[in-house]
Protein backbone atom coordinates (compact mmCIF):
# COMPACT_ATOMS: atom_id res chain seq x y z
CA UNK A 1 43.46 -103.99 8.29
CA UNK A 2 42.50 -104.43 11.88
CA UNK A 3 39.01 -103.86 13.04
CA UNK A 4 38.05 -103.16 16.68
CA UNK A 5 34.74 -102.13 18.17
CA UNK A 6 34.23 -100.05 21.38
CA UNK A 7 30.80 -99.90 22.81
CA UNK A 8 29.68 -97.73 25.68
CA UNK A 9 27.72 -99.29 28.65
CA UNK A 10 26.85 -102.84 28.50
CA UNK A 11 24.14 -103.51 31.11
CA UNK A 12 22.33 -101.80 33.93
CA UNK A 13 24.66 -99.65 36.05
CA UNK A 14 27.72 -100.79 34.12
CA UNK A 15 30.50 -98.66 32.62
CA UNK A 16 33.42 -99.27 30.20
CA UNK A 17 36.46 -96.95 30.27
CA UNK A 18 36.47 -96.90 26.52
CA UNK A 19 40.23 -97.65 26.04
CA UNK A 20 41.19 -99.95 23.14
CA UNK A 21 44.75 -101.40 23.31
CA UNK A 22 46.19 -102.48 19.88
CA UNK A 23 49.53 -104.11 19.41
CA UNK A 24 51.52 -103.09 16.36
CA UNK A 25 54.66 -105.29 16.97
CA UNK A 26 57.93 -103.63 16.00
CA UNK A 27 56.46 -100.73 14.13
CA UNK A 28 57.42 -97.23 15.26
CA UNK A 29 54.22 -95.52 13.98
CA UNK A 30 50.68 -96.24 12.94
CA UNK A 31 50.11 -95.15 9.28
CA UNK A 32 46.29 -94.63 9.60
CA UNK A 33 43.49 -95.04 12.22
CA UNK A 34 39.94 -94.55 10.93
CA UNK A 35 36.95 -94.18 13.22
CA UNK A 36 33.20 -94.41 12.53
CA UNK A 37 31.52 -92.55 15.43
CA UNK A 38 28.01 -93.49 16.69
CA UNK A 39 26.36 -90.74 14.89
CA UNK A 40 27.88 -91.90 11.51
CA UNK A 41 30.69 -89.40 11.26
CA UNK A 42 33.92 -90.89 9.74
CA UNK A 43 37.31 -89.56 10.69
CA UNK A 44 41.08 -90.58 10.32
CA UNK A 45 44.30 -89.86 12.05
CA UNK A 46 47.62 -90.39 10.22
CA UNK A 47 51.21 -91.17 11.14
CA UNK A 48 50.70 -91.66 15.01
CA UNK A 49 53.83 -92.43 16.84
CA UNK A 50 53.91 -95.62 18.58
CA UNK A 51 54.43 -96.56 22.30
CA UNK A 52 52.05 -93.97 23.72
CA UNK A 53 48.38 -93.44 24.55
CA UNK A 54 46.36 -91.42 21.99
CA UNK A 55 42.99 -89.97 22.81
CA UNK A 56 40.88 -89.70 19.66
CA UNK A 57 38.15 -87.09 19.97
CA UNK A 58 35.27 -86.70 17.67
CA UNK A 59 35.85 -83.71 15.53
CA UNK A 60 39.62 -83.59 15.90
CA UNK A 61 40.52 -85.95 12.93
CA UNK A 62 40.23 -85.54 9.17
CA UNK A 63 36.74 -86.13 7.99
CA UNK A 64 36.77 -89.01 5.49
CA UNK A 65 33.20 -89.21 4.16
CA UNK A 66 29.60 -88.82 4.59
CA UNK A 67 27.27 -90.98 6.71
């Protein structure tokens, strides 16, 4: 299990691009990615192929539980 946190903003007039880079070594896919959105919604994405950029959008994954 690997845990990463992305936080929007940071300080006055600052901005973060929101990208998160995670190395997976020699693997050719990611078995599962789970996200807890700021509103509390939990979603997962499964079997994502490696070596590409994935955009995870709230509401597009499989809902995995209540708040």
